[in-house]
Amino acid sequence: MTMDSNKKKTSYWQVSQQNSSDQGGWQEQNTIQAMEHLEEAAKLLRDGFIVAFPTETVYGLGADARNTTAVEAVFEAKGRPSDNPLIVHIANREQLSEFVSEINELSEALMNAYWPGPLTIILPLKPEVLSARVTAGLDTVGVRMPDHPVALQLLALAGCPVAAPSANRSGRPSPTLAEHVQADLDGRIEGIVDGGATGVGVESTVVQADADGTVTILRPGGITEEQLRTVASEVRMDPGLAAGNNEGLIAPRSPGMKYTHYAPKGSLCIVDGDASKVKDYIASRLHEAKEQGEITAVLAFSEHIDQYQADGLFSLGSMERLAEGAHLLYAALRSCDEIGASYILAEACPSEGLGAAIMNRLLKAAGHQIIHVT
């Protein structure tokens, strides 16, 4: 067997280990070797190559946001549509002056409250500083400062704004482990920094903060609507989030607004409604699918999961602790692929708090196929 001539040598560096006593936490290995690994990865970024690295949300695939060739390599590695903008990651707020033209009072207040953290803020862009491929031709850019020691160290060492979408093939579930990145991108990118399991498990919340005090959520994520209301006088969801299918959007202002994302290979449908009726519906449909030769899987909350029979049962944690569902969702979707599931049903959850992000990702993964049982 001959190797693909376009295949790249992907370096792999383990720089920290997961703290098993703290789900999604990290114990950074502050060793000389770990710093050497991060220096190697940072040099690749400075030299125009692409490197995957952990954040507190999911693994990102980074490139120097000023370097069009590097940014184009990200799109190529992911198979990402060219009109889907990228989020720029920074190590400190001083970097904003390099490429952002102004910061209004509300954006400043959000940064004070939630940076570093899983919040991306859309900001006006200075002309001709970042690659136009980062912004998909828009005059704004989404920026965030990740709350992860490895990410912040790598970004500081790189010394440049780093454009970084999730480190997966486009449309696939986002990676919450370095192994997920390897499965999708080994041989397509130059490096993977392994920082253990991510914490939040879903991507950052993306917001537009207007001078009139209104925050518009373009993508729900790790910072909830309720948290944003502690800073802003008004918080609203972008109408496009409820539109179901946004393929017709001409210029999405945020990643995740236009295309189907996060999808497993099998057919996925969400079931919503009264808990007992949801249970009966899912059980009945699983039995029918099994009779037809389907490989079945269920994504369900721990309160109900033992009531189902399927080839794969994947827990989203407790309905009372939706942070568990956010943390487990993408790994569960990938596990469906690992067992070859062709027919997948998922329980819906309330759309409050982190439930908004979970349902947003599930609906995208299911192509907005949802059954409401009454």
Protein backbone atom coordinates (compact mmCIF):
# COMPACT_ATOMS: atom_id res chain seq x y z
CA MET A 1 0.00 0.00 0.00
CA THR A 2 1.40 3.39 -0.96
CA MET A 3 1.00 6.45 1.25
CA ASP A 4 -1.03 9.35 -0.07
CA SER A 5 1.51 11.82 -1.47
CA ASN A 6 -0.42 14.66 0.19
CA LYS A 7 -0.37 13.04 3.63
CA LYS A 8 1.39 15.13 6.26
CA LYS A 9 3.49 14.00 9.19
CA THR A 10 1.42 14.87 12.24
CA SER A 11 3.44 15.47 15.41
CA TYR A 12 1.75 14.52 18.69
CA TRP A 13 2.65 16.12 22.02
CA GLN A 14 1.15 15.16 25.39
CA VAL A 15 1.52 18.15 27.68
CA SER A 16 -0.99 17.49 30.47
CA GLN A 17 -3.12 14.75 31.92
CA GLN A 18 -6.74 14.63 32.95
CA ASN A 19 -7.50 14.75 36.64
CA SER A 20 -9.77 11.73 37.04
CA SER A 21 -11.27 13.08 40.26
CA ASP A 22 -12.56 16.19 38.46
CA GLN A 23 -14.57 15.53 35.32
CA GLY A 24 -13.11 17.58 32.53
CA GLY A 25 -10.38 19.02 34.74
CA TRP A 26 -6.66 19.12 34.10
CA GLN A 27 -3.45 18.59 35.99
CA GLU A 28 -0.88 20.45 33.95
CA GLN A 29 2.50 18.78 33.85
CA ASN A 30 4.79 21.76 34.37
CA THR A 31 7.84 20.00 33.08
CA ILE A 32 10.65 21.14 30.86
CA GLN A 33 9.54 18.58 28.29
CA ALA A 34 5.98 19.89 28.25
CA MET A 35 7.23 23.44 27.66
CA GLU A 36 9.50 22.19 24.89
CA HIS A 37 6.48 20.55 23.26
CA LEU A 38 4.49 23.77 23.44
CA GLU A 39 7.42 25.73 22.00
CA GLU A 40 7.52 23.30 19.06
CA ALA A 41 3.80 23.69 18.48
CA ALA A 42 4.01 27.49 18.77
CA LYS A 43 6.85 27.61 16.24
CA LEU A 44 4.73 25.65 13.78
CA LEU A 45 1.95 28.23 14.18
CA ARG A 46 4.39 31.11 13.68
CA ASP A 47 5.81 29.38 10.59
CA GLY A 48 2.42 29.13 8.92
CA PHE A 49 1.42 25.55 9.79
CA ILE A 50 -1.70 24.29 11.57
CA VAL A 51 -1.89 22.71 15.01
CA ALA A 52 -4.76 21.28 17.07
CA PHE A 53 -4.88 22.21 20.75
CA PRO A 54 -7.25 21.86 23.73
CA THR A 55 -9.52 24.55 25.05
CA GLU A 56 -12.07 24.41 27.85
CA THR A 57 -14.83 23.83 25.25
CA VAL A 58 -13.54 21.50 22.49
CA TYR A 59 -10.24 21.00 20.68
CA GLY A 60 -9.45 23.77 18.20
CA LEU A 61 -7.50 23.69 14.95
CA GLY A 62 -5.24 26.71 14.98
CA ALA A 63 -3.55 28.83 12.33
CA ASP A 64 -2.00 32.31 12.32
CA ALA A 65 -5.05 34.45 11.57
CA ARG A 66 -2.90 36.90 9.58
CA ASN A 67 -1.57 34.22 7.23
CA THR A 68 -3.98 33.41 4.39
CA THR A 69 -2.03 30.31 3.31
CA ALA A 70 -2.21 28.89 6.84
CA VAL A 71 -5.91 29.71 7.18
CA GLU A 72 -6.65 28.08 3.82
CA ALA A 73 -4.91 24.95 5.11
CA VAL A 74 -7.44 24.85 7.98
CA PHE A 75 -10.36 24.96 5.53
CA GLU A 76 -8.72 22.24 3.42
CA ALA A 77 -7.96 19.95 6.37
CA LYS A 78 -11.50 20.25 7.73
CA GLY A 79 -13.31 20.28 4.39
CA ARG A 80 -15.01 23.42 5.71
CA PRO A 81 -17.20 25.69 3.52
CA SER A 82 -15.31 28.87 2.66
CA ASP A 83 -18.14 31.22 3.71
CA ASN A 84 -18.12 29.93 7.31
CA PRO A 85 -16.14 32.45 9.44
CA LEU A 86 -13.54 31.42 12.00
CA ILE A 87 -13.12 32.52 15.63
CA VAL A 88 -9.85 34.18 16.60
CA HIS A 89 -8.25 33.11 19.89
CA ILE A 90 -5.98 35.37 21.93
CA ALA A 91 -3.86 34.99 25.05
CA ASN A 92 -4.45 38.50 26.45
CA ARG A 93 -6.69 41.47 25.79
CA GLU A 94 -3.80 43.69 24.71
CA GLN A 95 -3.73 41.74 21.44
CA LEU A 96 -7.13 43.17 20.47
CA SER A 97 -5.59 46.51 19.55
CA GLU A 98 -3.71 44.80 16.72
CA PHE A 99 -6.81 43.94 14.71
CA VAL A 100 -9.98 45.32 16.38
CA SER A 101 -11.00 48.90 15.55
CA GLU A 102 -13.13 49.61 18.64
CA ILE A 103 -14.67 47.97 21.68
CA ASN A 104 -17.96 49.31 23.00
CA GLU A 105 -18.85 49.51 26.68
CA LEU A 106 -21.04 46.39 26.65
CA SER A 107 -18.37 44.27 24.95
CA GLU A 108 -15.89 45.48 27.54
CA ALA A 109 -18.26 44.50 30.36
CA LEU A 110 -18.72 41.02 28.87
CA MET A 111 -14.96 40.57 28.65
CA ASN A 112 -14.60 41.64 32.28
CA ALA A 113 -17.22 39.12 33.33
CA TYR A 114 -16.45 36.08 31.17
CA TRP A 115 -12.90 36.24 29.78
CA PRO A 116 -11.06 34.00 29.87
CA GLY A 117 -13.98 31.67 29.19
CA PRO A 118 -16.33 30.15 26.63
CA LEU A 119 -17.64 33.45 25.22
CA THR A 120 -16.92 34.74 21.71
CA ILE A 121 -17.69 38.40 21.01
CA ILE A 122 -18.21 39.80 17.50
CA LEU A 123 -16.07 42.92 17.14
CA PRO A 124 -15.38 45.47 14.35
CA LEU A 125 -12.26 44.70 12.39
CA LYS A 126 -9.35 46.88 11.33
CA PRO A 127 -8.91 46.58 7.56
CA GLU A 128 -6.22 44.39 6.02
CA VAL A 129 -4.81 42.99 9.26
CA LEU A 130 -6.33 39.51 9.40
CA SER A 131 -6.77 37.20 6.45
CA ALA A 132 -10.08 37.76 4.70
CA ARG A 133 -10.56 33.96 4.86
CA VAL A 134 -10.93 34.26 8.65
CA THR A 135 -13.89 36.62 8.44
CA ALA A 136 -15.46 35.22 5.23
CA GLY A 137 -15.29 38.76 3.87
CA LEU A 138 -17.16 40.38 6.77
CA ASP A 139 -15.99 43.59 8.45
CA THR A 140 -16.31 41.94 11.89
CA VAL A 141 -14.51 39.10 13.63
CA GLY A 142 -15.42 36.76 16.49
CA VAL A 143 -12.80 36.79 19.26
CA ARG A 144 -12.39 34.86 22.50
CA MET A 145 -9.82 34.15 25.19
CA PRO A 146 -9.99 30.45 26.16
CA ASP A 147 -10.00 29.41 29.81
CA HIS A 148 -7.46 26.60 29.53
CA PRO A 149 -3.85 26.71 30.78
CA VAL A 150 -2.43 24.81 27.80
CA ALA A 151 -4.29 26.93 25.26
CA LEU A 152 -3.27 30.20 26.91
CA GLN A 153 0.37 29.11 27.14
CA LEU A 154 0.44 28.02 23.50
CA LEU A 155 -1.22 31.24 22.31
CA ALA A 156 1.21 33.35 24.34
CA LEU A 157 4.20 31.48 22.92
CA ALA A 158 2.88 31.78 19.37
CA GLY A 159 2.55 35.54 19.78
CA CYS A 160 -0.10 35.90 17.09
CA PRO A 161 -3.90 35.88 16.87
CA VAL A 162 -4.90 32.28 16.16
CA ALA A 163 -7.93 31.41 14.07
CA ALA A 164 -9.28 28.11 15.37
CA PRO A 165 -12.47 26.27 14.48
CA SER A 166 -13.12 22.89 16.09
CA ALA A 167 -10.47 20.30 15.17
CA ASN A 168 -12.66 17.83 13.31
CA ARG A 169 -13.69 17.10 9.75
CA SER A 170 -16.49 19.50 8.83
CA GLY A 171 -19.93 18.18 9.79
CA ARG A 172 -18.56 15.60 12.24
CA PRO A 173 -19.06 15.80 16.03
CA SER A 174 -16.56 18.19 17.58
CA PRO A 175 -13.57 16.64 19.38
CA THR A 176 -13.40 16.58 23.17
CA LEU A 177 -10.33 14.31 23.27
CA ALA A 178 -7.05 14.39 21.35
CA GLU A 179 -7.93 10.89 20.11
CA HIS A 180 -10.97 12.37 18.34
CA VAL A 181 -8.68 14.84 16.55
CA GLN A 182 -6.37 12.01 15.49
CA ALA A 183 -9.28 10.00 14.13
CA ASP A 184 -10.40 12.88 11.91
CA LEU A 185 -7.24 14.78 11.03
CA ASP A 186 -4.15 12.58 11.40
CA GLY A 187 -2.08 13.10 8.26
CA ARG A 188 -3.96 16.29 7.38
CA ILE A 189 -2.35 18.65 9.91
CA GLU A 190 1.12 19.27 11.31
CA GLY A 191 0.53 18.83 15.03
CA ILE A 192 -1.79 17.81 17.87
CA VAL A 193 -1.30 19.06 21.45
CA ASP A 194 -2.91 16.57 23.86
CA GLY A 195 -4.20 18.36 26.95
CA GLY A 196 -6.59 15.67 28.14
CA ALA A 197 -10.38 15.79 28.02
CA THR A 198 -12.05 19.16 27.54
CA GLY A 199 -14.32 20.51 30.25
CA VAL A 200 -17.43 22.29 28.93
CA GLY A 201 -17.78 19.95 25.95
CA VAL A 202 -19.70 22.29 23.61
CA GLU A 203 -18.32 25.30 21.80
CA SER A 204 -18.33 28.88 23.07
CA THR A 205 -21.38 31.10 23.06
CA VAL A 206 -21.12 33.66 20.24
CA VAL A 207 -22.67 37.08 20.82
CA GLN A 208 -23.08 40.45 19.17
CA ALA A 209 -22.99 43.20 21.82
CA ASP A 210 -24.64 46.43 20.65
CA ALA A 211 -24.06 49.90 22.05
CA ASP A 212 -27.74 50.14 23.08
CA GLY A 213 -27.16 47.43 25.72
CA THR A 214 -28.57 44.50 23.74
CA VAL A 215 -26.74 41.18 23.45
CA THR A 216 -27.77 38.95 20.55
CA ILE A 217 -26.84 35.27 20.86
CA LEU A 218 -25.71 33.99 17.47
CA ARG A 219 -24.74 30.57 18.81
CA PRO A 220 -25.63 29.23 22.28
CA GLY A 221 -22.76 27.62 24.13
CA GLY A 222 -20.78 27.49 27.34
CA ILE A 223 -22.01 30.85 28.68
CA THR A 224 -25.77 30.72 29.17
CA GLU A 225 -28.45 33.29 28.39
CA GLU A 226 -29.06 33.59 32.12
CA GLN A 227 -25.41 34.47 32.74
CA LEU A 228 -25.44 37.09 29.99
CA ARG A 229 -28.46 38.74 31.60
CA THR A 230 -26.35 39.59 34.63
CA VAL A 231 -24.33 41.95 32.39
CA ALA A 232 -26.68 43.12 29.61
CA SER A 233 -29.98 45.00 29.90
CA GLU A 234 -31.48 42.85 27.15
CA VAL A 235 -30.51 39.43 25.76
CA ARG A 236 -32.17 37.88 22.73
CA MET A 237 -31.64 34.86 20.50
CA ASP A 238 -30.87 35.56 16.86
CA PRO A 239 -34.03 34.75 14.85
CA GLY A 240 -31.97 32.50 12.57
CA LEU A 241 -31.48 30.02 15.41
CA ALA A 242 -35.16 29.14 15.30
CA ALA A 243 -35.40 28.96 11.52
CA GLY A 244 -34.59 25.25 11.37
CA ASN A 245 -32.59 25.25 8.15
CA ASN A 246 -30.27 28.20 7.51
CA GLU A 247 -28.58 26.89 4.36
CA GLY A 248 -29.81 29.99 2.53
CA LEU A 249 -27.98 32.47 4.74
CA ILE A 250 -25.75 34.57 2.50
CA ALA A 251 -23.16 35.61 5.08
CA PRO A 252 -23.40 33.93 8.50
CA ARG A 253 -21.92 36.16 11.22
CA SER A 254 -20.92 33.20 13.37
CA PRO A 255 -19.79 29.60 12.96
CA GLY A 256 -22.65 27.15 13.43
CA MET A 257 -25.37 29.40 11.95
CA LYS A 258 -25.63 28.00 8.44
CA TYR A 259 -24.54 24.41 7.91
CA THR A 260 -25.45 21.03 9.38
CA HIS A 261 -22.85 20.21 12.03
CA TYR A 262 -21.91 17.61 14.59
CA ALA A 263 -23.67 14.77 12.76
CA PRO A 264 -23.06 11.06 13.31
CA LYS A 265 -23.04 8.82 10.25
CA GLY A 266 -26.35 7.15 11.10
CA SER A 267 -29.82 8.68 10.96
CA LEU A 268 -30.49 10.75 14.11
CA CYS A 269 -33.87 11.98 15.34
CA ILE A 270 -34.73 13.83 18.58
CA VAL A 271 -37.82 12.95 20.59
CA ASP A 272 -39.48 15.62 22.75
CA GLY A 273 -42.53 15.64 25.00
CA ASP A 274 -43.87 14.15 28.22
CA ALA A 275 -41.21 11.86 29.73
CA SER A 276 -43.37 8.73 29.87
CA LYS A 277 -44.61 9.20 26.32
CA VAL A 278 -41.07 9.87 25.08
CA LYS A 279 -39.95 6.63 26.73
CA ASP A 280 -42.78 4.63 25.14
CA TYR A 281 -42.21 6.16 21.71
CA ILE A 282 -38.46 5.55 21.74
CA ALA A 283 -38.87 1.97 22.97
CA SER A 284 -41.41 1.21 20.25
CA ARG A 285 -39.36 2.75 17.44
CA LEU A 286 -36.20 0.97 18.59
CA HIS A 287 -38.00 -2.36 18.48
CA GLU A 288 -39.27 -1.65 14.96
CA ALA A 289 -35.84 -0.55 13.76
CA LYS A 290 -34.21 -3.64 15.23
CA GLU A 291 -36.75 -5.85 13.44
CA GLN A 292 -35.76 -4.15 10.18
CA GLY A 293 -32.07 -4.95 10.73
CA GLU A 294 -30.92 -1.51 11.90
CA ILE A 295 -28.06 -1.08 14.37
CA THR A 296 -29.72 1.03 17.02
CA ALA A 297 -28.47 3.58 19.53
CA VAL A 298 -30.01 5.91 22.12
CA LEU A 299 -28.73 9.12 23.65
CA ALA A 300 -30.64 9.49 26.89
CA PHE A 301 -30.40 11.01 30.33
CA SER A 302 -29.41 8.86 33.28
CA GLU A 303 -32.89 9.04 34.81
CA HIS A 304 -34.27 7.04 31.84
CA ILE A 305 -31.45 5.26 30.06
CA ASP A 306 -31.93 1.86 31.76
CA GLN A 307 -35.47 1.75 30.35
CA TYR A 308 -34.23 1.32 26.78
CA GLN A 309 -32.90 -1.61 24.80
CA ALA A 310 -30.54 -0.82 21.94
CA ASP A 311 -27.19 -1.86 20.51
CA GLY A 312 -25.70 1.27 22.06
CA LEU A 313 -26.90 3.15 25.14
CA PHE A 314 -25.07 6.45 25.64
CA SER A 315 -25.74 8.57 28.71
CA LEU A 316 -25.98 12.35 28.67
CA GLY A 317 -25.75 12.48 32.44
CA SER A 318 -28.52 13.72 34.67
CA MET A 319 -31.37 15.91 33.44
CA GLU A 320 -30.85 17.84 36.70
CA ARG A 321 -27.23 18.63 35.77
CA LEU A 322 -27.19 19.64 32.11
CA ALA A 323 -23.50 20.52 32.30
CA GLU A 324 -22.95 16.75 32.23
CA GLY A 325 -24.92 16.51 29.00
CA ALA A 326 -22.85 19.24 27.38
CA HIS A 327 -19.66 17.49 28.47
CA LEU A 328 -20.76 14.07 27.18
CA LEU A 329 -22.68 14.94 24.00
CA TYR A 330 -19.99 14.86 21.31
CA ALA A 331 -18.32 11.73 22.67
CA ALA A 332 -21.73 10.03 22.65
CA LEU A 333 -22.30 11.00 19.02
CA ARG A 334 -18.88 9.64 18.09
CA SER A 335 -19.62 6.43 20.02
CA CYS A 336 -22.65 5.91 17.77
CA ASP A 337 -20.27 5.83 14.82
CA GLU A 338 -17.91 3.46 16.61
CA ILE A 339 -20.64 0.81 16.92
CA GLY A 340 -21.88 1.48 13.39
CA ALA A 341 -25.28 2.74 14.53
CA SER A 342 -27.61 3.35 11.60
CA TYR A 343 -30.71 4.37 13.60
CA ILE A 344 -30.25 6.78 16.51
CA LEU A 345 -32.81 8.42 18.80
CA ALA A 346 -32.03 11.13 21.33
CA GLU A 347 -34.06 12.48 24.22
CA ALA A 348 -34.66 16.22 24.16
CA CYS A 349 -33.98 18.39 27.20
CA PRO A 350 -35.28 21.77 28.39
CA SER A 351 -33.76 24.71 26.49
CA GLU A 352 -32.81 26.69 29.59
CA GLY A 353 -29.23 27.21 30.74
CA LEU A 354 -26.81 24.85 29.02
CA GLY A 355 -29.84 23.01 27.64
CA ALA A 356 -30.01 25.67 24.92
CA ALA A 357 -26.54 24.70 23.70
CA ILE A 358 -27.29 20.97 23.94
CA MET A 359 -30.50 21.28 21.93
CA ASN A 360 -28.82 23.56 19.37
CA ARG A 361 -26.12 20.95 18.75
CA LEU A 362 -28.56 18.02 18.73
CA LEU A 363 -30.83 19.76 16.24
CA LYS A 364 -27.88 20.52 13.98
CA ALA A 365 -26.66 16.93 14.26
CA ALA A 366 -30.15 15.62 13.43
CA GLY A 367 -30.69 17.97 10.51
CA HIS A 368 -33.56 19.42 12.62
CA GLN A 369 -35.44 16.10 12.63
CA ILE A 370 -37.50 16.21 15.83
CA ILE A 371 -40.63 14.32 16.87
CA HIS A 372 -42.97 15.92 19.40
CA VAL A 373 -45.02 13.27 21.20
CA THR A 374 -48.18 14.25 23.06
